PDB file of N, CA and C in Angstrom:
ATOM      1  N   MET A   1       4.625   7.929  19.270  1.00  0.00           N
ATOM      2  CA  MET A   1       3.257   7.520  19.053  1.00  0.00           C
ATOM      3  C   MET A   1       2.682   8.193  17.810  1.00  0.00           C
ATOM      4  N   HIS A   2       3.047   9.425  17.582  1.00  0.00           N
ATOM      5  CA  HIS A   2       2.545  10.160  16.428  1.00  0.00           C
ATOM      6  C   HIS A   2       2.978   9.451  15.140  1.00  0.00           C
ATOM      7  N   THR A   3       4.211   8.942  15.115  1.00  0.00           N
ATOM      8  CA  THR A   3       4.717   8.239  13.940  1.00  0.00           C
ATOM      9  C   THR A   3       3.927   6.952  13.694  1.00  0.00           C
ATOM     10  N   LYS A   4       3.561   6.254  14.761  1.00  0.00           N
ATOM     11  CA  LYS A   4       2.788   5.021  14.606  1.00  0.00           C
ATOM     12  C   LYS A   4       1.418   5.304  14.009  1.00  0.00           C
ATOM     13  N   LEU A   5       0.782   6.383  14.436  1.00  0.00           N
ATOM     14  CA  LEU A   5      -0.516   6.765  13.888  1.00  0.00           C
ATOM     15  C   LEU A   5      -0.372   7.120  12.420  1.00  0.00           C
ATOM     16  N   LEU A   6       0.664   7.867  12.077  1.00  0.00           N
ATOM     17  CA  LEU A   6       0.911   8.202  10.681  1.00  0.00           C
ATOM     18  C   LEU A   6       1.207   6.961   9.864  1.00  0.00           C
ATOM     19  N   SER A   7       1.907   6.011  10.447  1.00  0.00           N
ATOM     20  CA  SER A   7       2.212   4.759   9.761  1.00  0.00           C
ATOM     21  C   SER A   7       0.930   4.018   9.411  1.00  0.00           C
ATOM     22  N   THR A   8       0.012   3.958  10.358  1.00  0.00           N
ATOM     23  CA  THR A   8      -1.256   3.281  10.129  1.00  0.00           C
ATOM     24  C   THR A   8      -2.040   3.968   9.025  1.00  0.00           C
ATOM     25  N   LYS A   9      -2.087   5.288   9.057  1.00  0.00           N
ATOM     26  CA  LYS A   9      -2.802   6.033   8.029  1.00  0.00           C
ATOM     27  C   LYS A   9      -2.136   5.849   6.673  1.00  0.00           C
ATOM     28  N   PHE A  10      -0.824   5.807   6.654  1.00  0.00           N
ATOM     29  CA  PHE A  10      -0.101   5.598   5.406  1.00  0.00           C
ATOM     30  C   PHE A  10      -0.460   4.258   4.789  1.00  0.00           C
ATOM     31  N   ILE A  11      -0.538   3.230   5.593  1.00  0.00           N
ATOM     32  CA  ILE A  11      -0.855   1.898   5.078  1.00  0.00           C
ATOM     33  C   ILE A  11      -2.224   1.900   4.415  1.00  0.00           C
ATOM     34  N   VAL A  12      -3.182   2.575   5.006  1.00  0.00           N
ATOM     35  CA  VAL A  12      -4.519   2.672   4.410  1.00  0.00           C
ATOM     36  C   VAL A  12      -4.442   3.426   3.089  1.00  0.00           C
ATOM     37  N   VAL A  13      -3.691   4.513   3.064  1.00  0.00           N
ATOM     38  CA  VAL A  13      -3.565   5.311   1.839  1.00  0.00           C
ATOM     39  C   VAL A  13      -2.905   4.501   0.732  1.00  0.00           C
ATOM     40  N   ILE A  14      -1.883   3.755   1.066  1.00  0.00           N
ATOM     41  CA  ILE A  14      -1.194   3.011   0.018  1.00  0.00           C
ATOM     42  C   ILE A  14      -2.096   1.953  -0.604  1.00  0.00           C
ATOM     43  N   LEU A  15      -2.962   1.362   0.196  1.00  0.00           N
ATOM     44  CA  LEU A  15      -3.898   0.395  -0.364  1.00  0.00           C
ATOM     45  C   LEU A  15      -4.819   1.050  -1.384  1.00  0.00           C
ATOM     46  N   LEU A  16      -5.166   2.278  -1.130  1.00  0.00           N
ATOM     47  CA  LEU A  16      -6.027   2.995  -2.061  1.00  0.00           C
ATOM     48  C   LEU A  16      -5.287   3.347  -3.339  1.00  0.00           C
ATOM     49  N   LEU A  17      -3.979   3.389  -3.280  1.00  0.00           N
ATOM     50  CA  LEU A  17      -3.185   3.790  -4.430  1.00  0.00           C
ATOM     51  C   LEU A  17      -2.865   2.642  -5.381  1.00  0.00           C
ATOM     52  N   ILE A  18      -3.173   1.476  -5.016  1.00  0.00           N
ATOM     53  CA  ILE A  18      -2.852   0.326  -5.851  1.00  0.00           C
ATOM     54  C   ILE A  18      -3.949   0.171  -6.901  1.00  0.00           C
ATOM     55  N   THR A  19      -3.800   0.919  -7.956  1.00  0.00           N
ATOM     56  CA  THR A  19      -4.859   1.026  -8.943  1.00  0.00           C
ATOM     57  C   THR A  19      -4.964  -0.179  -9.866  1.00  0.00           C
ATOM     58  N   ASN A  20      -3.946  -0.975  -9.939  1.00  0.00           N
ATOM     59  CA  ASN A  20      -4.021  -2.164 -10.781  1.00  0.00           C
ATOM     60  C   ASN A  20      -5.045  -3.165 -10.269  1.00  0.00           C
ATOM     61  N   LEU A  21      -5.297  -3.150  -9.004  1.00  0.00           N
ATOM     62  CA  LEU A  21      -6.151  -4.149  -8.379  1.00  0.00           C
ATOM     63  C   LEU A  21      -7.530  -4.214  -9.012  1.00  0.00           C
ATOM     64  N   ALA A  22      -8.198  -3.085  -9.140  1.00  0.00           N
ATOM     65  CA  ALA A  22      -9.557  -3.065  -9.673  1.00  0.00           C
ATOM     66  C   ALA A  22      -9.600  -3.524 -11.118  1.00  0.00           C
ATOM     67  N   GLN A  23      -8.594  -3.154 -11.902  1.00  0.00           N
ATOM     68  CA  GLN A  23      -8.562  -3.523 -13.309  1.00  0.00           C
ATOM     69  C   GLN A  23      -8.177  -4.985 -13.497  1.00  0.00           C
ATOM     70  N   ALA A  24      -7.292  -5.480 -12.675  1.00  0.00           N
ATOM     71  CA  ALA A  24      -6.729  -6.812 -12.881  1.00  0.00           C
ATOM     72  C   ALA A  24      -7.604  -7.943 -12.339  1.00  0.00           C
ATOM     73  N   GLN A  25      -8.526  -7.645 -11.462  1.00  0.00           N
ATOM     74  CA  GLN A  25      -9.303  -8.698 -10.821  1.00  0.00           C
ATOM     75  C   GLN A  25     -10.754  -8.681 -11.258  1.00  0.00           C
ATOM     76  N   SER A  26     -11.256  -9.809 -11.707  1.00  0.00           N
ATOM     77  CA  SER A  26     -12.644  -9.851 -12.149  1.00  0.00           C
ATOM     78  C   SER A  26     -13.530 -10.695 -11.238  1.00  0.00           C
ATOM     79  N   TYR A  27     -12.961 -11.445 -10.345  1.00  0.00           N
ATOM     80  CA  TYR A  27     -13.751 -12.291  -9.458  1.00  0.00           C
ATOM     81  C   TYR A  27     -13.444 -11.956  -8.000  1.00  0.00           C
ATOM     82  N   TYR A  28     -14.454 -12.024  -7.175  1.00  0.00           N
ATOM     83  CA  TYR A  28     -14.329 -11.699  -5.759  1.00  0.00           C
ATOM     84  C   TYR A  28     -13.230 -12.507  -5.077  1.00  0.00           C
ATOM     85  N   SER A  29     -13.190 -13.804  -5.304  1.00  0.00           N
ATOM     86  CA  SER A  29     -12.205 -14.641  -4.615  1.00  0.00           C
ATOM     87  C   SER A  29     -10.784 -14.261  -5.007  1.00  0.00           C
ATOM     88  N   LYS A  30     -10.578 -13.956  -6.268  1.00  0.00           N
ATOM     89  CA  LYS A  30      -9.244 -13.552  -6.717  1.00  0.00           C
ATOM     90  C   LYS A  30      -8.888 -12.190  -6.117  1.00  0.00           C
ATOM     91  N   GLU A  31      -9.852 -11.290  -6.069  1.00  0.00           N
ATOM     92  CA  GLU A  31      -9.621  -9.973  -5.484  1.00  0.00           C
ATOM     93  C   GLU A  31      -9.256 -10.103  -4.009  1.00  0.00           C
ATOM     94  N   LYS A  32      -9.983 -10.933  -3.300  1.00  0.00           N
ATOM     95  CA  LYS A  32      -9.694 -11.147  -1.877  1.00  0.00           C
ATOM     96  C   LYS A  32      -8.301 -11.734  -1.704  1.00  0.00           C
ATOM     97  N   GLU A  33      -7.927 -12.660  -2.562  1.00  0.00           N
ATOM     98  CA  GLU A  33      -6.596 -13.260  -2.493  1.00  0.00           C
ATOM     99  C   GLU A  33      -5.508 -12.189  -2.698  1.00  0.00           C
ATOM    100  N   VAL A  34      -5.726 -11.312  -3.655  1.00  0.00           N
ATOM    101  CA  VAL A  34      -4.764 -10.236  -3.915  1.00  0.00           C
ATOM    102  C   VAL A  34      -4.694  -9.289  -2.721  1.00  0.00           C
ATOM    103  N   LEU A  35      -5.850  -8.898  -2.183  1.00  0.00           N
ATOM    104  CA  LEU A  35      -5.854  -8.025  -1.004  1.00  0.00           C
ATOM    105  C   LEU A  35      -5.167  -8.679   0.189  1.00  0.00           C
ATOM    106  N   ASP A  36      -5.392  -9.958   0.374  1.00  0.00           N
ATOM    107  CA  ASP A  36      -4.723 -10.677   1.454  1.00  0.00           C
ATOM    108  C   ASP A  36      -3.211 -10.664   1.259  1.00  0.00           C
ATOM    109  N   ASN A  37      -2.777 -10.849   0.007  1.00  0.00           N
ATOM    110  CA  ASN A  37      -1.336 -10.804  -0.287  1.00  0.00           C
ATOM    111  C   ASN A  37      -0.765  -9.418  -0.001  1.00  0.00           C
ATOM    112  N   ILE A  38      -1.478  -8.381  -0.423  1.00  0.00           N
ATOM    113  CA  ILE A  38      -1.031  -7.009  -0.188  1.00  0.00           C
ATOM    114  C   ILE A  38      -0.955  -6.735   1.311  1.00  0.00           C
ATOM    115  N   ALA A  39      -1.974  -7.155   2.051  1.00  0.00           N
ATOM    116  CA  ALA A  39      -1.978  -6.958   3.503  1.00  0.00           C
ATOM    117  C   ALA A  39      -0.780  -7.647   4.149  1.00  0.00           C
ATOM    118  N   MET A  40      -0.501  -8.864   3.733  1.00  0.00           N
ATOM    119  CA  MET A  40       0.631  -9.608   4.276  1.00  0.00           C
ATOM    120  C   MET A  40       1.951  -8.874   3.979  1.00  0.00           C
ATOM    121  N   LEU A  41       2.079  -8.368   2.742  1.00  0.00           N
ATOM    122  CA  LEU A  41       3.306  -7.661   2.363  1.00  0.00           C
ATOM    123  C   LEU A  41       3.488  -6.382   3.176  1.00  0.00           C
ATOM    124  N   ILE A  42       2.397  -5.675   3.423  1.00  0.00           N
ATOM    125  CA  ILE A  42       2.478  -4.455   4.237  1.00  0.00           C
ATOM    126  C   ILE A  42       2.856  -4.803   5.671  1.00  0.00           C
ATOM    127  N   LYS A  43       2.205  -5.809   6.240  1.00  0.00           N
ATOM    128  CA  LYS A  43       2.509  -6.209   7.616  1.00  0.00           C
ATOM    129  C   LYS A  43       3.973  -6.608   7.773  1.00  0.00           C
ATOM    130  N   GLU A  44       4.539  -7.199   6.715  1.00  0.00           N
ATOM    131  CA  GLU A  44       5.934  -7.650   6.758  1.00  0.00           C
ATOM    132  C   GLU A  44       6.906  -6.574   6.284  1.00  0.00           C
ATOM    133  N   GLY A  45       6.375  -5.431   5.827  1.00  0.00           N
ATOM    134  CA  GLY A  45       7.234  -4.361   5.341  1.00  0.00           C
ATOM    135  C   GLY A  45       7.963  -4.721   4.050  1.00  0.00           C
ATOM    136  N   GLU A  46       7.378  -5.589   3.264  1.00  0.00           N
ATOM    137  CA  GLU A  46       7.984  -6.073   2.023  1.00  0.00           C
ATOM    138  C   GLU A  46       7.750  -5.082   0.880  1.00  0.00           C
ATOM    139  N   TYR A  47       8.459  -3.969   0.922  1.00  0.00           N
ATOM    140  CA  TYR A  47       8.281  -2.911  -0.070  1.00  0.00           C
ATOM    141  C   TYR A  47       8.574  -3.382  -1.491  1.00  0.00           C
ATOM    142  N   ASN A  48       9.549  -4.260  -1.656  1.00  0.00           N
ATOM    143  CA  ASN A  48       9.939  -4.711  -2.992  1.00  0.00           C
ATOM    144  C   ASN A  48       8.825  -5.509  -3.661  1.00  0.00           C
ATOM    145  N   LYS A  49       8.272  -6.465  -2.949  1.00  0.00           N
ATOM    146  CA  LYS A  49       7.181  -7.275  -3.498  1.00  0.00           C
ATOM    147  C   LYS A  49       5.887  -6.470  -3.600  1.00  0.00           C
ATOM    148  N   LEU A  50       5.687  -5.558  -2.672  1.00  0.00           N
ATOM    149  CA  LEU A  50       4.501  -4.705  -2.708  1.00  0.00           C
ATOM    150  C   LEU A  50       4.473  -3.857  -3.973  1.00  0.00           C
ATOM    151  N   SER A  51       5.638  -3.428  -4.405  1.00  0.00           N
ATOM    152  CA  SER A  51       5.716  -2.576  -5.596  1.00  0.00           C
ATOM    153  C   SER A  51       5.296  -3.309  -6.866  1.00  0.00           C
ATOM    154  N   ASP A  52       5.228  -4.624  -6.830  1.00  0.00           N
ATOM    155  CA  ASP A  52       4.734  -5.390  -7.984  1.00  0.00           C
ATOM    156  C   ASP A  52       3.284  -5.036  -8.306  1.00  0.00           C
ATOM    157  N   TYR A  53       2.562  -4.520  -7.330  1.00  0.00           N
ATOM    158  CA  TYR A  53       1.152  -4.170  -7.517  1.00  0.00           C
ATOM    159  C   TYR A  53       0.952  -2.723  -7.972  1.00  0.00           C
ATOM    160  N   PHE A  54       2.026  -1.957  -8.097  1.00  0.00           N
ATOM    161  CA  PHE A  54       1.919  -0.555  -8.481  1.00  0.00           C
ATOM    162  C   PHE A  54       1.799  -0.384  -9.995  1.00  0.00           C
ATOM    163  N   ASN A  55       1.163   0.705 -10.398  1.00  0.00           N
ATOM    164  CA  ASN A  55       1.227   1.166 -11.785  1.00  0.00           C
ATOM    165  C   ASN A  55       2.596   1.810 -11.980  1.00  0.00           C
ATOM    166  N   ASN A  56       2.845   2.312 -13.182  1.00  0.00           N
ATOM    167  CA  ASN A  56       4.116   2.981 -13.458  1.00  0.00           C
ATOM    168  C   ASN A  56       4.291   4.254 -12.634  1.00  0.00           C
ATOM    169  N   MET A  57       3.195   4.936 -12.330  1.00  0.00           N
ATOM    170  CA  MET A  57       3.229   6.143 -11.503  1.00  0.00           C
ATOM    171  C   MET A  57       2.341   5.906 -10.282  1.00  0.00           C
ATOM    172  N   VAL A  58       2.823   6.355  -9.117  1.00  0.00           N
ATOM    173  CA  VAL A  58       2.133   6.098  -7.853  1.00  0.00           C
ATOM    174  C   VAL A  58       2.024   7.405  -7.065  1.00  0.00           C
ATOM    175  N   GLU A  59       0.842   7.683  -6.559  1.00  0.00           N
ATOM    176  CA  GLU A  59       0.669   8.833  -5.673  1.00  0.00           C
ATOM    177  C   GLU A  59       0.859   8.362  -4.241  1.00  0.00           C
ATOM    178  N   LEU A  60       1.825   8.975  -3.563  1.00  0.00           N
ATOM    179  CA  LEU A  60       2.108   8.619  -2.169  1.00  0.00           C
ATOM    180  C   LEU A  60       1.869   9.817  -1.276  1.00  0.00           C
ATOM    181  N   ARG A  61       1.378   9.538  -0.088  1.00  0.00           N
ATOM    182  CA  ARG A  61       1.201  10.562   0.948  1.00  0.00           C
ATOM    183  C   ARG A  61       1.691   9.991   2.259  1.00  0.00           C
ATOM    184  N   ILE A  62       2.932  10.247   2.556  1.00  0.00           N
ATOM    185  CA  ILE A  62       3.511   9.836   3.829  1.00  0.00           C
ATOM    186  C   ILE A  62       4.243  11.051   4.392  1.00  0.00           C
ATOM    187  N   PRO A  63       4.549  11.028   5.688  1.00  0.00           N
ATOM    188  CA  PRO A  63       5.222  12.182   6.279  1.00  0.00           C
ATOM    189  C   PRO A  63       6.495  12.551   5.504  1.00  0.00           C
ATOM    190  N   GLU A  64       6.597  13.807   5.145  1.00  0.00           N
ATOM    191  CA  GLU A  64       7.739  14.377   4.452  1.00  0.00           C
ATOM    192  C   GLU A  64       7.917  13.874   3.020  1.00  0.00           C
ATOM    193  N   LYS A  65       7.011  13.085   2.497  1.00  0.00           N
ATOM    194  CA  LYS A  65       7.041  12.630   1.105  1.00  0.00           C
ATOM    195  C   LYS A  65       5.615  12.588   0.594  1.00  0.00           C
ATOM    196  N   GLU A  66       5.299  13.521  -0.252  1.00  0.00           N
ATOM    197  CA  GLU A  66       3.960  13.550  -0.826  1.00  0.00           C
ATOM    198  C   GLU A  66       4.076  13.951  -2.281  1.00  0.00           C
ATOM    199  N   GLY A  67       3.438  13.170  -3.139  1.00  0.00           N
ATOM    200  CA  GLY A  67       3.466  13.501  -4.552  1.00  0.00           C
ATOM    201  C   GLY A  67       3.276  12.274  -5.416  1.00  0.00           C
ATOM    202  N   VAL A  68       3.506  12.464  -6.699  1.00  0.00           N
ATOM    203  CA  VAL A  68       3.403  11.377  -7.662  1.00  0.00           C
ATOM    204  C   VAL A  68       4.824  10.964  -8.039  1.00  0.00           C
ATOM    205  N   PHE A  69       5.095   9.690  -7.867  1.00  0.00           N
ATOM    206  CA  PHE A  69       6.439   9.171  -8.079  1.00  0.00           C
ATOM    207  C   PHE A  69       6.395   7.984  -9.035  1.00  0.00           C
ATOM    208  N   SER A  70       7.514   7.712  -9.661  1.00  0.00           N
ATOM    209  CA  SER A  70       7.606   6.524 -10.508  1.00  0.00           C
ATOM    210  C   SER A  70       7.524   5.283  -9.614  1.00  0.00           C
ATOM    211  N   LYS A  71       7.284   4.165 -10.231  1.00  0.00           N
ATOM    212  CA  LYS A  71       7.218   2.896  -9.503  1.00  0.00           C
ATOM    213  C   LYS A  71       8.532   2.656  -8.749  1.00  0.00           C
ATOM    214  N   THR A  72       9.659   2.917  -9.408  1.00  0.00           N
ATOM    215  CA  THR A  72      10.967   2.709  -8.790  1.00  0.00           C
ATOM    216  C   THR A  72      11.192   3.665  -7.623  1.00  0.00           C
ATOM    217  N   GLN A  73      10.876   4.943  -7.824  1.00  0.00           N
ATOM    218  CA  GLN A  73      11.017   5.920  -6.737  1.00  0.00           C
ATOM    219  C   GLN A  73      10.146   5.522  -5.552  1.00  0.00           C
ATOM    220  N   SER A  74       8.911   5.116  -5.835  1.00  0.00           N
ATOM    221  CA  SER A  74       7.976   4.723  -4.775  1.00  0.00           C
ATOM    222  C   SER A  74       8.516   3.561  -3.967  1.00  0.00           C
ATOM    223  N   LYS A  75       9.126   2.621  -4.658  1.00  0.00           N
ATOM    224  CA  LYS A  75       9.690   1.452  -3.973  1.00  0.00           C
ATOM    225  C   LYS A  75      10.754   1.886  -2.964  1.00  0.00           C
ATOM    226  N   PHE A  76      11.615   2.809  -3.343  1.00  0.00           N
ATOM    227  CA  PHE A  76      12.671   3.249  -2.431  1.00  0.00           C
ATOM    228  C   PHE A  76      12.138   4.154  -1.320  1.00  0.00           C
ATOM    229  N   ILE A  77      11.112   4.909  -1.616  1.00  0.00           N
ATOM    230  CA  ILE A  77      10.460   5.708  -0.570  1.00  0.00           C
ATOM    231  C   ILE A  77       9.861   4.777   0.479  1.00  0.00           C
ATOM    232  N   LEU A  78       9.208   3.709   0.019  1.00  0.00           N
ATOM    233  CA  LEU A  78       8.638   2.729   0.955  1.00  0.00           C
ATOM    234  C   LEU A  78       9.729   2.001   1.732  1.00  0.00           C
ATOM    235  N   LYS A  79      10.828   1.723   1.078  1.00  0.00           N
ATOM    236  CA  LYS A  79      11.946   1.079   1.773  1.00  0.00           C
ATOM    237  C   LYS A  79      12.380   1.932   2.961  1.00  0.00           C
ATOM    238  N   ASP A  80      12.568   3.220   2.718  1.00  0.00           N
ATOM    239  CA  ASP A  80      12.948   4.134   3.803  1.00  0.00           C
ATOM    240  C   ASP A  80      11.868   4.209   4.874  1.00  0.00           C
ATOM    241  N   PHE A  81      10.625   4.294   4.435  1.00  0.00           N
ATOM    242  CA  PHE A  81       9.514   4.393   5.380  1.00  0.00           C
ATOM    243  C   PHE A  81       9.444   3.162   6.275  1.00  0.00           C
ATOM    244  N   PHE A  82       9.490   1.974   5.678  1.00  0.00           N
ATOM    245  CA  PHE A  82       9.379   0.746   6.466  1.00  0.00           C
ATOM    246  C   PHE A  82      10.606   0.525   7.350  1.00  0.00           C
ATOM    247  N   SER A  83      11.749   1.053   6.960  1.00  0.00           N
ATOM    248  CA  SER A  83      12.933   0.895   7.811  1.00  0.00           C
ATOM    249  C   SER A  83      12.803   1.707   9.102  1.00  0.00           C
ATOM    250  N   GLU A  84      12.003   2.764   9.066  1.00  0.00           N
ATOM    251  CA  GLU A  84      11.801   3.615  10.232  1.00  0.00           C
ATOM    252  C   GLU A  84      10.474   3.349  10.945  1.00  0.00           C
ATOM    253  N   ASN A  85       9.549   2.655  10.287  1.00  0.00           N
ATOM    254  CA  ASN A  85       8.198   2.435  10.826  1.00  0.00           C
ATOM    255  C   ASN A  85       7.796   0.987  10.610  1.00  0.00           C
ATOM    256  N   THR A  86       7.909   0.199  11.652  1.00  0.00           N
ATOM    257  CA  THR A  86       7.532  -1.211  11.559  1.00  0.00           C
ATOM    258  C   THR A  86       6.021  -1.344  11.694  1.00  0.00           C
ATOM    259  N   PRO A  87       5.371  -1.923  10.691  1.00  0.00           N
ATOM    260  CA  PRO A  87       3.909  -2.107  10.777  1.00  0.00           C
ATOM    261  C   PRO A  87       3.547  -3.033  11.938  1.00  0.00           C
ATOM    262  N   LYS A  88       2.489  -2.674  12.634  1.00  0.00           N
ATOM    263  CA  LYS A  88       2.011  -3.475  13.766  1.00  0.00           C
ATOM    264  C   LYS A  88       0.732  -4.233  13.427  1.00  0.00           C
ATOM    265  N   SER A  89      -0.160  -3.579  12.683  1.00  0.00           N
ATOM    266  CA  SER A  89      -1.422  -4.209  12.321  1.00  0.00           C
ATOM    267  C   SER A  89      -1.962  -3.527  11.073  1.00  0.00           C
ATOM    268  N   LEU A  90      -3.027  -4.100  10.539  1.00  0.00           N
ATOM    269  CA  LEU A  90      -3.623  -3.571   9.321  1.00  0.00           C
ATOM    270  C   LEU A  90      -5.111  -3.844   9.347  1.00  0.00           C
ATOM    271  N   GLU A  91      -5.886  -2.838   8.991  1.00  0.00           N
ATOM    272  CA  GLU A  91      -7.331  -2.976   8.851  1.00  0.00           C
ATOM    273  C   GLU A  91      -7.762  -2.350   7.547  1.00  0.00           C
ATOM    274  N   PHE A  92      -8.676  -3.001   6.851  1.00  0.00           N
ATOM    275  CA  PHE A  92      -9.266  -2.420   5.657  1.00  0.00           C
ATOM    276  C   PHE A  92     -10.462  -1.587   6.095  1.00  0.00           C
ATOM    277  N   GLU A  93     -10.423  -0.303   5.798  1.00  0.00           N
ATOM    278  CA  GLU A  93     -11.548   0.554   6.159  1.00  0.00           C
ATOM    279  C   GLU A  93     -12.681   0.428   5.165  1.00  0.00           C
ATOM    280  N   LYS A  94     -12.340   0.192   3.915  1.00  0.00           N
ATOM    281  CA  LYS A  94     -13.349   0.050   2.881  1.00  0.00           C
ATOM    282  C   LYS A  94     -12.830  -0.956   1.877  1.00  0.00           C
ATOM    283  N   TRP A  95     -13.717  -1.842   1.485  1.00  0.00           N
ATOM    284  CA  TRP A  95     -13.316  -2.864   0.544  1.00  0.00           C
ATOM    285  C   TRP A  95     -14.511  -3.255  -0.280  1.00  0.00           C
ATOM    286  N   GLY A  96     -14.337  -3.433  -1.552  1.00  0.00           N
ATOM    287  CA  GLY A  96     -15.422  -3.815  -2.443  1.00  0.00           C
ATOM    288  C   GLY A  96     -15.841  -2.667  -3.312  1.00  0.00           C
ATOM    289  N   GLU A  97     -16.950  -2.868  -3.989  1.00  0.00           N
ATOM    290  CA  GLU A  97     -17.442  -1.848  -4.920  1.00  0.00           C
ATOM    291  C   GLU A  97     -18.173  -0.742  -4.172  1.00  0.00           C
ATOM    292  N   SER A  98     -18.087   0.463  -4.746  1.00  0.00           N
ATOM    293  CA  SER A  98     -18.816   1.598  -4.181  1.00  0.00           C
ATOM    294  C   SER A  98     -20.300   1.453  -4.502  1.00  0.00           C
ATOM    295  N   GLU A  99     -21.113   1.957  -3.611  1.00  0.00           N
ATOM    296  CA  GLU A  99     -22.550   1.900  -3.852  1.00  0.00           C
ATOM    297  C   GLU A  99     -23.061   3.233  -4.284  1.00  0.00           C
TER     298      GLU A  99
END
């Protein structure tokens, strides 16, 4: 159960790490479409396609792996993570512009 809770927290953290999103999207509908795609990829554990949204360097915080990694390293870290932790659900805790 502890791993499942960490998995859920990791998914939220990874969404925050996708820094290309804010720069690449200028319209709400396009941003929502991108977030929906990211959510779908996380739910399916699609680490390879998810990495398309990463910058060259990615900060990850998951159990036993914390730090700044290259896009390629991050992809393989996620591969290992998803192989051991199957996503069950996903919720966005915060979305949109800060006030």
